[in-house]
Amino acid sequence: MQFRPLHDRVVVRRLESEEKTKGGIIIPDSAKEKPQEGEIVAVGPGARDESGKLVALDVKAGDRVLFGKWSGTEVKIDGQDLLIMKESDIMGVVA
């Protein structure tokens, strides 16, 4: 199934967090927090300003981004757990 977000929304796939700490301690699944880093899968065409002009998004598919802990709506598309959020929920792009 193809999915194209509308307006200034983006589709993000969470990146898996580390299984171990730097000291070698294995973290059980119950103690892990959801990662706040992800990869952009798809982007919408952009939002419209007051005059009706289309304003393009600053992110593109393939960018690695950081977002807030409670950002976005979790959805399942083609068996993948994804997030749909507005571009304003993204804090920045990881270089």
PDB file of N, CA and C in Angstrom:
ATOM      1  N   MET A   1       0.847  -1.183   0.000  1.00  0.00           N
ATOM      2  CA  MET A   1       0.000   0.000   0.000  1.00  0.00           C
ATOM      3  C   MET A   1       0.888   1.241   0.000  1.00  0.00           C
ATOM      4  N   GLN A   2       0.603   2.162  -0.855  1.00  0.00           N
ATOM      5  CA  GLN A   2       1.305   3.439  -0.886  1.00  0.00           C
ATOM      6  C   GLN A   2       0.588   4.418   0.036  1.00  0.00           C
ATOM      7  N   PHE A   3       1.350   5.183   0.797  1.00  0.00           N
ATOM      8  CA  PHE A   3       0.763   6.178   1.703  1.00  0.00           C
ATOM      9  C   PHE A   3       1.476   7.497   1.480  1.00  0.00           C
ATOM     10  N   ARG A   4       0.713   8.548   1.225  1.00  0.00           N
ATOM     11  CA  ARG A   4       1.263   9.890   1.025  1.00  0.00           C
ATOM     12  C   ARG A   4       0.626  10.817   2.052  1.00  0.00           C
ATOM     13  N   PRO A   5       1.421  11.366   2.968  1.00  0.00           N
ATOM     14  CA  PRO A   5       0.849  12.270   3.966  1.00  0.00           C
ATOM     15  C   PRO A   5       0.399  13.587   3.320  1.00  0.00           C
ATOM     16  N   LEU A   6      -0.567  14.227   3.941  1.00  0.00           N
ATOM     17  CA  LEU A   6      -1.098  15.484   3.437  1.00  0.00           C
ATOM     18  C   LEU A   6      -0.470  16.676   4.147  1.00  0.00           C
ATOM     19  N   HIS A   7      -0.464  17.795   3.465  1.00  0.00           N
ATOM     20  CA  HIS A   7      -0.031  19.093   3.984  1.00  0.00           C
ATOM     21  C   HIS A   7       1.368  19.028   4.588  1.00  0.00           C
ATOM     22  N   ASP A   8       1.541  19.432   5.844  1.00  0.00           N
ATOM     23  CA  ASP A   8       2.876  19.493   6.447  1.00  0.00           C
ATOM     24  C   ASP A   8       3.147  18.295   7.358  1.00  0.00           C
ATOM     25  N   ARG A   9       2.554  17.155   7.050  1.00  0.00           N
ATOM     26  CA  ARG A   9       2.773  15.951   7.858  1.00  0.00           C
ATOM     27  C   ARG A   9       3.890  15.106   7.252  1.00  0.00           C
ATOM     28  N   VAL A  10       4.559  14.340   8.127  1.00  0.00           N
ATOM     29  CA  VAL A  10       5.617  13.436   7.693  1.00  0.00           C
ATOM     30  C   VAL A  10       5.373  12.068   8.314  1.00  0.00           C
ATOM     31  N   VAL A  11       5.878  11.024   7.668  1.00  0.00           N
ATOM     32  CA  VAL A  11       5.811   9.657   8.184  1.00  0.00           C
ATOM     33  C   VAL A  11       7.222   9.291   8.623  1.00  0.00           C
ATOM     34  N   VAL A  12       7.346   8.832   9.890  1.00  0.00           N
ATOM     35  CA  VAL A  12       8.647   8.538  10.482  1.00  0.00           C
ATOM     36  C   VAL A  12       8.680   7.095  10.972  1.00  0.00           C
ATOM     37  N   ARG A  13       9.797   6.410  10.701  1.00  0.00           N
ATOM     38  CA  ARG A  13      10.040   5.070  11.245  1.00  0.00           C
ATOM     39  C   ARG A  13      11.038   5.238  12.390  1.00  0.00           C
ATOM     40  N   ARG A  14      10.635   4.798  13.586  1.00  0.00           N
ATOM     41  CA  ARG A  14      11.542   4.891  14.738  1.00  0.00           C
ATOM     42  C   ARG A  14      12.772   4.034  14.500  1.00  0.00           C
ATOM     43  N   LEU A  15      13.933   4.536  14.919  1.00  0.00           N
ATOM     44  CA  LEU A  15      15.152   3.747  14.877  1.00  0.00           C
ATOM     45  C   LEU A  15      15.267   2.995  16.185  1.00  0.00           C
ATOM     46  N   GLU A  16      15.686   1.747  16.117  1.00  0.00           N
ATOM     47  CA  GLU A  16      15.782   0.907  17.313  1.00  0.00           C
ATOM     48  C   GLU A  16      16.864   1.420  18.245  1.00  0.00           C
ATOM     49  N   SER A  17      16.592   1.373  19.542  1.00  0.00           N
ATOM     50  CA  SER A  17      17.567   1.805  20.538  1.00  0.00           C
ATOM     51  C   SER A  17      18.551   0.673  20.819  1.00  0.00           C
ATOM     52  N   GLU A  18      19.635   1.021  21.461  1.00  0.00           N
ATOM     53  CA  GLU A  18      20.681   0.051  21.771  1.00  0.00           C
ATOM     54  C   GLU A  18      20.195  -0.981  22.774  1.00  0.00           C
ATOM     55  N   GLU A  19      20.653  -2.213  22.620  1.00  0.00           N
ATOM     56  CA  GLU A  19      20.316  -3.300  23.544  1.00  0.00           C
ATOM     57  C   GLU A  19      21.198  -3.261  24.789  1.00  0.00           C
ATOM     58  N   LYS A  20      22.388  -2.651  24.667  1.00  0.00           N
ATOM     59  CA  LYS A  20      23.344  -2.597  25.774  1.00  0.00           C
ATOM     60  C   LYS A  20      23.734  -1.159  26.057  1.00  0.00           C
ATOM     61  N   THR A  21      24.156  -0.914  27.300  1.00  0.00           N
ATOM     62  CA  THR A  21      24.722   0.378  27.635  1.00  0.00           C
ATOM     63  C   THR A  21      26.183   0.379  27.219  1.00  0.00           C
ATOM     64  N   LYS A  22      26.860   1.510  27.299  1.00  0.00           N
ATOM     65  CA  LYS A  22      28.271   1.578  26.942  1.00  0.00           C
ATOM     66  C   LYS A  22      29.121   0.706  27.858  1.00  0.00           C
ATOM     67  N   GLY A  23      28.647   0.494  29.075  1.00  0.00           N
ATOM     68  CA  GLY A  23      29.372  -0.345  30.035  1.00  0.00           C
ATOM     69  C   GLY A  23      29.122  -1.837  29.832  1.00  0.00           C
ATOM     70  N   GLY A  24      28.243  -2.209  28.894  1.00  0.00           N
ATOM     71  CA  GLY A  24      28.003  -3.610  28.597  1.00  0.00           C
ATOM     72  C   GLY A  24      26.798  -4.212  29.292  1.00  0.00           C
ATOM     73  N   ILE A  25      26.025  -3.398  30.008  1.00  0.00           N
ATOM     74  CA  ILE A  25      24.835  -3.904  30.691  1.00  0.00           C
ATOM     75  C   ILE A  25      23.708  -4.054  29.677  1.00  0.00           C
ATOM     76  N   ILE A  26      23.083  -5.229  29.636  1.00  0.00           N
ATOM     77  CA  ILE A  26      21.974  -5.477  28.713  1.00  0.00           C
ATOM     78  C   ILE A  26      20.692  -4.902  29.304  1.00  0.00           C
ATOM     79  N   ILE A  27      19.967  -4.129  28.495  1.00  0.00           N
ATOM     80  CA  ILE A  27      18.731  -3.480  28.950  1.00  0.00           C
ATOM     81  C   ILE A  27      17.550  -4.367  28.555  1.00  0.00           C
ATOM     82  N   PRO A  28      16.718  -4.802  29.514  1.00  0.00           N
ATOM     83  CA  PRO A  28      15.545  -5.607  29.152  1.00  0.00           C
ATOM     84  C   PRO A  28      14.492  -4.763  28.443  1.00  0.00           C
ATOM     85  N   ASP A  29      13.631  -5.406  27.650  1.00  0.00           N
ATOM     86  CA  ASP A  29      12.599  -4.695  26.889  1.00  0.00           C
ATOM     87  C   ASP A  29      11.683  -3.868  27.775  1.00  0.00           C
ATOM     88  N   SER A  30      11.395  -4.357  28.972  1.00  0.00           N
ATOM     89  CA  SER A  30      10.469  -3.644  29.854  1.00  0.00           C
ATOM     90  C   SER A  30      11.062  -2.341  30.384  1.00  0.00           C
ATOM     91  N   ALA A  31      12.388  -2.204  30.373  1.00  0.00           N
ATOM     92  CA  ALA A  31      13.029  -1.002  30.906  1.00  0.00           C
ATOM     93  C   ALA A  31      13.398  -0.006  29.811  1.00  0.00           C
ATOM     94  N   LYS A  32      13.251  -0.387  28.554  1.00  0.00           N
ATOM     95  CA  LYS A  32      13.624   0.495  27.446  1.00  0.00           C
ATOM     96  C   LYS A  32      12.592   1.584  27.267  1.00  0.00           C
ATOM     97  N   GLU A  33      13.087   2.764  26.911  1.00  0.00           N
ATOM     98  CA  GLU A  33      12.191   3.841  26.517  1.00  0.00           C
ATOM     99  C   GLU A  33      12.075   3.821  25.003  1.00  0.00           C
ATOM    100  N   LYS A  34      10.991   4.353  24.495  1.00  0.00           N
ATOM    101  CA  LYS A  34      10.835   4.432  23.050  1.00  0.00           C
ATOM    102  C   LYS A  34      11.869   5.413  22.514  1.00  0.00           C
ATOM    103  N   PRO A  35      12.530   5.054  21.418  1.00  0.00           N
ATOM    104  CA  PRO A  35      13.534   5.963  20.861  1.00  0.00           C
ATOM    105  C   PRO A  35      12.903   7.250  20.351  1.00  0.00           C
ATOM    106  N   GLN A  36      13.648   8.341  20.457  1.00  0.00           N
ATOM    107  CA  GLN A  36      13.171   9.631  19.997  1.00  0.00           C
ATOM    108  C   GLN A  36      13.898  10.038  18.723  1.00  0.00           C
ATOM    109  N   GLU A  37      14.454   9.057  18.046  1.00  0.00           N
ATOM    110  CA  GLU A  37      15.147   9.300  16.790  1.00  0.00           C
ATOM    111  C   GLU A  37      14.507   8.413  15.729  1.00  0.00           C
ATOM    112  N   GLY A  38      14.387   8.939  14.520  1.00  0.00           N
ATOM    113  CA  GLY A  38      13.766   8.165  13.460  1.00  0.00           C
ATOM    114  C   GLY A  38      14.232   8.595  12.090  1.00  0.00           C
ATOM    115  N   GLU A  39      13.731   7.864  11.100  1.00  0.00           N
ATOM    116  CA  GLU A  39      14.056   8.154   9.708  1.00  0.00           C
ATOM    117  C   GLU A  39      12.774   8.539   8.990  1.00  0.00           C
ATOM    118  N   ILE A  40      12.825   9.611   8.227  1.00  0.00           N
ATOM    119  CA  ILE A  40      11.672  10.079   7.469  1.00  0.00           C
ATOM    120  C   ILE A  40      11.419   9.095   6.324  1.00  0.00           C
ATOM    121  N   VAL A  41      10.189   8.590   6.234  1.00  0.00           N
ATOM    122  CA  VAL A  41       9.806   7.654   5.181  1.00  0.00           C
ATOM    123  C   VAL A  41       9.113   8.399   4.039  1.00  0.00           C
ATOM    124  N   ALA A  42       8.237   9.349   4.376  1.00  0.00           N
ATOM    125  CA  ALA A  42       7.494  10.109   3.362  1.00  0.00           C
ATOM    126  C   ALA A  42       7.152  11.480   3.916  1.00  0.00           C
ATOM    127  N   VAL A  43       7.034  12.454   3.031  1.00  0.00           N
ATOM    128  CA  VAL A  43       6.672  13.817   3.430  1.00  0.00           C
ATOM    129  C   VAL A  43       5.518  14.308   2.574  1.00  0.00           C
ATOM    130  N   GLY A  44       4.721  15.196   3.152  1.00  0.00           N
ATOM    131  CA  GLY A  44       3.630  15.820   2.411  1.00  0.00           C
ATOM    132  C   GLY A  44       4.158  16.954   1.547  1.00  0.00           C
ATOM    133  N   PRO A  45       3.301  17.544   0.731  1.00  0.00           N
ATOM    134  CA  PRO A  45       3.738  18.606  -0.189  1.00  0.00           C
ATOM    135  C   PRO A  45       4.075  19.922   0.511  1.00  0.00           C
ATOM    136  N   GLY A  46       3.552  20.161   1.704  1.00  0.00           N
ATOM    137  CA  GLY A  46       3.812  21.399   2.425  1.00  0.00           C
ATOM    138  C   GLY A  46       2.530  22.062   2.868  1.00  0.00           C
ATOM    139  N   ALA A  47       2.685  23.068   3.696  1.00  0.00           N
ATOM    140  CA  ALA A  47       1.539  23.813   4.216  1.00  0.00           C
ATOM    141  C   ALA A  47       1.313  25.059   3.361  1.00  0.00           C
ATOM    142  N   ARG A  48       0.146  25.634   3.489  1.00  0.00           N
ATOM    143  CA  ARG A  48      -0.159  26.872   2.768  1.00  0.00           C
ATOM    144  C   ARG A  48      -0.143  28.036   3.754  1.00  0.00           C
ATOM    145  N   ASP A  49       0.418  29.164   3.313  1.00  0.00           N
ATOM    146  CA  ASP A  49       0.427  30.353   4.160  1.00  0.00           C
ATOM    147  C   ASP A  49      -0.878  31.123   3.984  1.00  0.00           C
ATOM    148  N   GLU A  50      -0.963  32.315   4.583  1.00  0.00           N
ATOM    149  CA  GLU A  50      -2.208  33.094   4.567  1.00  0.00           C
ATOM    150  C   GLU A  50      -2.628  33.486   3.154  1.00  0.00           C
ATOM    151  N   SER A  51      -1.664  33.677   2.266  1.00  0.00           N
ATOM    152  CA  SER A  51      -2.000  34.082   0.901  1.00  0.00           C
ATOM    153  C   SER A  51      -2.297  32.886  -0.009  1.00  0.00           C
ATOM    154  N   GLY A  52      -2.191  31.655   0.514  1.00  0.00           N
ATOM    155  CA  GLY A  52      -2.480  30.466  -0.264  1.00  0.00           C
ATOM    156  C   GLY A  52      -1.272  29.877  -0.966  1.00  0.00           C
ATOM    157  N   LYS A  53      -0.099  30.493  -0.748  1.00  0.00           N
ATOM    158  CA  LYS A  53       1.129  30.008  -1.382  1.00  0.00           C
ATOM    159  C   LYS A  53       1.628  28.761  -0.650  1.00  0.00           C
ATOM    160  N   LEU A  54       2.069  27.748  -1.406  1.00  0.00           N
ATOM    161  CA  LEU A  54       2.573  26.505  -0.842  1.00  0.00           C
ATOM    162  C   LEU A  54       3.981  26.722  -0.273  1.00  0.00           C
ATOM    163  N   VAL A  55       4.170  26.358   1.007  1.00  0.00           N
ATOM    164  CA  VAL A  55       5.470  26.472   1.670  1.00  0.00           C
ATOM    165  C   VAL A  55       6.018  25.058   1.823  1.00  0.00           C
ATOM    166  N   ALA A  56       7.118  24.768   1.126  1.00  0.00           N
ATOM    167  CA  ALA A  56       7.704  23.417   1.134  1.00  0.00           C
ATOM    168  C   ALA A  56       8.289  23.087   2.506  1.00  0.00           C
ATOM    169  N   LEU A  57       8.401  21.782   2.805  1.00  0.00           N
ATOM    170  CA  LEU A  57       8.948  21.326   4.080  1.00  0.00           C
ATOM    171  C   LEU A  57      10.478  21.361   4.039  1.00  0.00           C
ATOM    172  N   ASP A  58      11.098  21.469   5.228  1.00  0.00           N
ATOM    173  CA  ASP A  58      12.558  21.504   5.336  1.00  0.00           C
ATOM    174  C   ASP A  58      13.160  20.108   5.367  1.00  0.00           C
ATOM    175  N   VAL A  59      12.360  19.081   5.618  1.00  0.00           N
ATOM    176  CA  VAL A  59      12.881  17.708   5.690  1.00  0.00           C
ATOM    177  C   VAL A  59      12.484  16.949   4.438  1.00  0.00           C
ATOM    178  N   LYS A  60      13.224  15.875   4.169  1.00  0.00           N
ATOM    179  CA  LYS A  60      12.928  15.040   3.006  1.00  0.00           C
ATOM    180  C   LYS A  60      13.050  13.582   3.399  1.00  0.00           C
ATOM    181  N   ALA A  61      12.544  12.696   2.576  1.00  0.00           N
ATOM    182  CA  ALA A  61      12.612  11.263   2.843  1.00  0.00           C
ATOM    183  C   ALA A  61      14.080  10.848   2.964  1.00  0.00           C
ATOM    184  N   GLY A  62      14.369  10.025   3.976  1.00  0.00           N
ATOM    185  CA  GLY A  62      15.731   9.559   4.212  1.00  0.00           C
ATOM    186  C   GLY A  62      16.452  10.321   5.304  1.00  0.00           C
ATOM    187  N   ASP A  63      15.962  11.503   5.709  1.00  0.00           N
ATOM    188  CA  ASP A  63      16.595  12.277   6.789  1.00  0.00           C
ATOM    189  C   ASP A  63      16.427  11.566   8.126  1.00  0.00           C
ATOM    190  N   ARG A  64      17.470  11.619   8.968  1.00  0.00           N
ATOM    191  CA  ARG A  64      17.369  11.132  10.344  1.00  0.00           C
ATOM    192  C   ARG A  64      17.020  12.326  11.219  1.00  0.00           C
ATOM    193  N   VAL A  65      15.976  12.192  12.020  1.00  0.00           N
ATOM    194  CA  VAL A  65      15.469  13.324  12.789  1.00  0.00           C
ATOM    195  C   VAL A  65      15.285  12.958  14.255  1.00  0.00           C
ATOM    196  N   LEU A  66      15.252  13.992  15.097  1.00  0.00           N
ATOM    197  CA  LEU A  66      14.908  13.859  16.510  1.00  0.00           C
ATOM    198  C   LEU A  66      13.541  14.485  16.710  1.00  0.00           C
ATOM    199  N   PHE A  67      12.715  13.841  17.539  1.00  0.00           N
ATOM    200  CA  PHE A  67      11.377  14.358  17.798  1.00  0.00           C
ATOM    201  C   PHE A  67      11.048  14.174  19.275  1.00  0.00           C
ATOM    202  N   GLY A  68       9.983  14.809  19.732  1.00  0.00           N
ATOM    203  CA  GLY A  68       9.577  14.741  21.122  1.00  0.00           C
ATOM    204  C   GLY A  68       9.078  13.367  21.528  1.00  0.00           C
ATOM    205  N   LYS A  69       9.160  13.100  22.816  1.00  0.00           N
ATOM    206  CA  LYS A  69       8.779  11.788  23.355  1.00  0.00           C
ATOM    207  C   LYS A  69       7.334  11.430  23.034  1.00  0.00           C
ATOM    208  N   TRP A  70       6.428  12.379  23.078  1.00  0.00           N
ATOM    209  CA  TRP A  70       5.004  12.098  22.872  1.00  0.00           C
ATOM    210  C   TRP A  70       4.513  12.610  21.529  1.00  0.00           C
ATOM    211  N   SER A  71       5.421  12.844  20.592  1.00  0.00           N
ATOM    212  CA  SER A  71       5.049  13.390  19.280  1.00  0.00           C
ATOM    213  C   SER A  71       4.438  12.325  18.380  1.00  0.00           C
ATOM    214  N   GLY A  72       3.528  12.755  17.550  1.00  0.00           N
ATOM    215  CA  GLY A  72       2.998  11.904  16.497  1.00  0.00           C
ATOM    216  C   GLY A  72       1.919  10.935  16.914  1.00  0.00           C
ATOM    217  N   THR A  73       1.355  10.303  15.913  1.00  0.00           N
ATOM    218  CA  THR A  73       0.326   9.281  16.082  1.00  0.00           C
ATOM    219  C   THR A  73       0.881   7.973  15.542  1.00  0.00           C
ATOM    220  N   GLU A  74       0.838   6.926  16.368  1.00  0.00           N
ATOM    221  CA  GLU A  74       1.367   5.632  15.952  1.00  0.00           C
ATOM    222  C   GLU A  74       0.361   4.927  15.056  1.00  0.00           C
ATOM    223  N   VAL A  75       0.848   4.435  13.912  1.00  0.00           N
ATOM    224  CA  VAL A  75       0.020   3.691  12.962  1.00  0.00           C
ATOM    225  C   VAL A  75       0.788   2.462  12.490  1.00  0.00           C
ATOM    226  N   LYS A  76       0.060   1.509  11.933  1.00  0.00           N
ATOM    227  CA  LYS A  76       0.684   0.318  11.361  1.00  0.00           C
ATOM    228  C   LYS A  76       0.301   0.279   9.887  1.00  0.00           C
ATOM    229  N   ILE A  77       1.308   0.369   9.002  1.00  0.00           N
ATOM    230  CA  ILE A  77       1.085   0.348   7.562  1.00  0.00           C
ATOM    231  C   ILE A  77       1.952  -0.761   6.982  1.00  0.00           C
ATOM    232  N   ASP A  78       1.333  -1.685   6.276  1.00  0.00           N
ATOM    233  CA  ASP A  78       2.035  -2.832   5.686  1.00  0.00           C
ATOM    234  C   ASP A  78       2.872  -3.581   6.713  1.00  0.00           C
ATOM    235  N   GLY A  79       2.370  -3.707   7.936  1.00  0.00           N
ATOM    236  CA  GLY A  79       3.064  -4.450   8.980  1.00  0.00           C
ATOM    237  C   GLY A  79       4.186  -3.687   9.653  1.00  0.00           C
ATOM    238  N   GLN A  80       4.417  -2.437   9.287  1.00  0.00           N
ATOM    239  CA  GLN A  80       5.459  -1.620   9.906  1.00  0.00           C
ATOM    240  C   GLN A  80       4.835  -0.647  10.900  1.00  0.00           C
ATOM    241  N   ASP A  81       5.471  -0.499  12.064  1.00  0.00           N
ATOM    242  CA  ASP A  81       5.034   0.497  13.037  1.00  0.00           C
ATOM    243  C   ASP A  81       5.657   1.832  12.656  1.00  0.00           C
ATOM    244  N   LEU A  82       4.797   2.802  12.342  1.00  0.00           N
ATOM    245  CA  LEU A  82       5.256   4.117  11.904  1.00  0.00           C
ATOM    246  C   LEU A  82       4.596   5.203  12.731  1.00  0.00           C
ATOM    247  N   LEU A  83       5.122   6.411  12.632  1.00  0.00           N
ATOM    248  CA  LEU A  83       4.550   7.588  13.274  1.00  0.00           C
ATOM    249  C   LEU A  83       4.175   8.598  12.199  1.00  0.00           C
ATOM    250  N   ILE A  84       3.025   9.238  12.363  1.00  0.00           N
ATOM    251  CA  ILE A  84       2.649  10.356  11.503  1.00  0.00           C
ATOM    252  C   ILE A  84       2.626  11.589  12.402  1.00  0.00           C
ATOM    253  N   MET A  85       3.386  12.606  12.009  1.00  0.00           N
ATOM    254  CA  MET A  85       3.458  13.829  12.819  1.00  0.00           C
ATOM    255  C   MET A  85       3.601  15.037  11.911  1.00  0.00           C
ATOM    256  N   LYS A  86       3.341  16.199  12.484  1.00  0.00           N
ATOM    257  CA  LYS A  86       3.538  17.447  11.755  1.00  0.00           C
ATOM    258  C   LYS A  86       5.021  17.782  11.767  1.00  0.00           C
ATOM    259  N   GLU A  87       5.442  18.523  10.776  1.00  0.00           N
ATOM    260  CA  GLU A  87       6.857  18.906  10.697  1.00  0.00           C
ATOM    261  C   GLU A  87       7.269  19.714  11.927  1.00  0.00           C
ATOM    262  N   SER A  88       6.362  20.463  12.502  1.00  0.00           N
ATOM    263  CA  SER A  88       6.683  21.294  13.669  1.00  0.00           C
ATOM    264  C   SER A  88       7.007  20.450  14.907  1.00  0.00           C
ATOM    265  N   ASP A  89       6.616  19.140  14.925  1.00  0.00           N
ATOM    266  CA  ASP A  89       6.954  18.263  16.038  1.00  0.00           C
ATOM    267  C   ASP A  89       8.397  17.775  15.980  1.00  0.00           C
ATOM    268  N   ILE A  90       9.053  17.960  14.839  1.00  0.00           N
ATOM    269  CA  ILE A  90      10.439  17.520  14.675  1.00  0.00           C
ATOM    270  C   ILE A  90      11.358  18.612  15.233  1.00  0.00           C
ATOM    271  N   MET A  91      12.317  18.176  16.081  1.00  0.00           N
ATOM    272  CA  MET A  91      13.228  19.124  16.711  1.00  0.00           C
ATOM    273  C   MET A  91      14.423  19.462  15.829  1.00  0.00           C
ATOM    274  N   GLY A  92      14.864  18.491  15.016  1.00  0.00           N
ATOM    275  CA  GLY A  92      16.009  18.773  14.147  1.00  0.00           C
ATOM    276  C   GLY A  92      16.422  17.552  13.364  1.00  0.00           C
ATOM    277  N   VAL A  93      17.316  17.800  12.408  1.00  0.00           N
ATOM    278  CA  VAL A  93      17.855  16.749  11.553  1.00  0.00           C
ATOM    279  C   VAL A  93      19.231  16.377  12.072  1.00  0.00           C
ATOM    280  N   VAL A  94      19.488  15.058  12.201  1.00  0.00           N
ATOM    281  CA  VAL A  94      20.782  14.565  12.649  1.00  0.00           C
ATOM    282  C   VAL A  94      21.685  14.438  11.427  1.00  0.00           C
ATOM    283  N   ALA A  95      22.826  15.124  11.475  1.00  0.00           N
ATOM    284  CA  ALA A  95      23.760  15.097  10.321  1.00  0.00           C
ATOM    285  C   ALA A  95      24.637  13.868  10.342  1.00  0.00           C
TER     286      ALA A  95
END
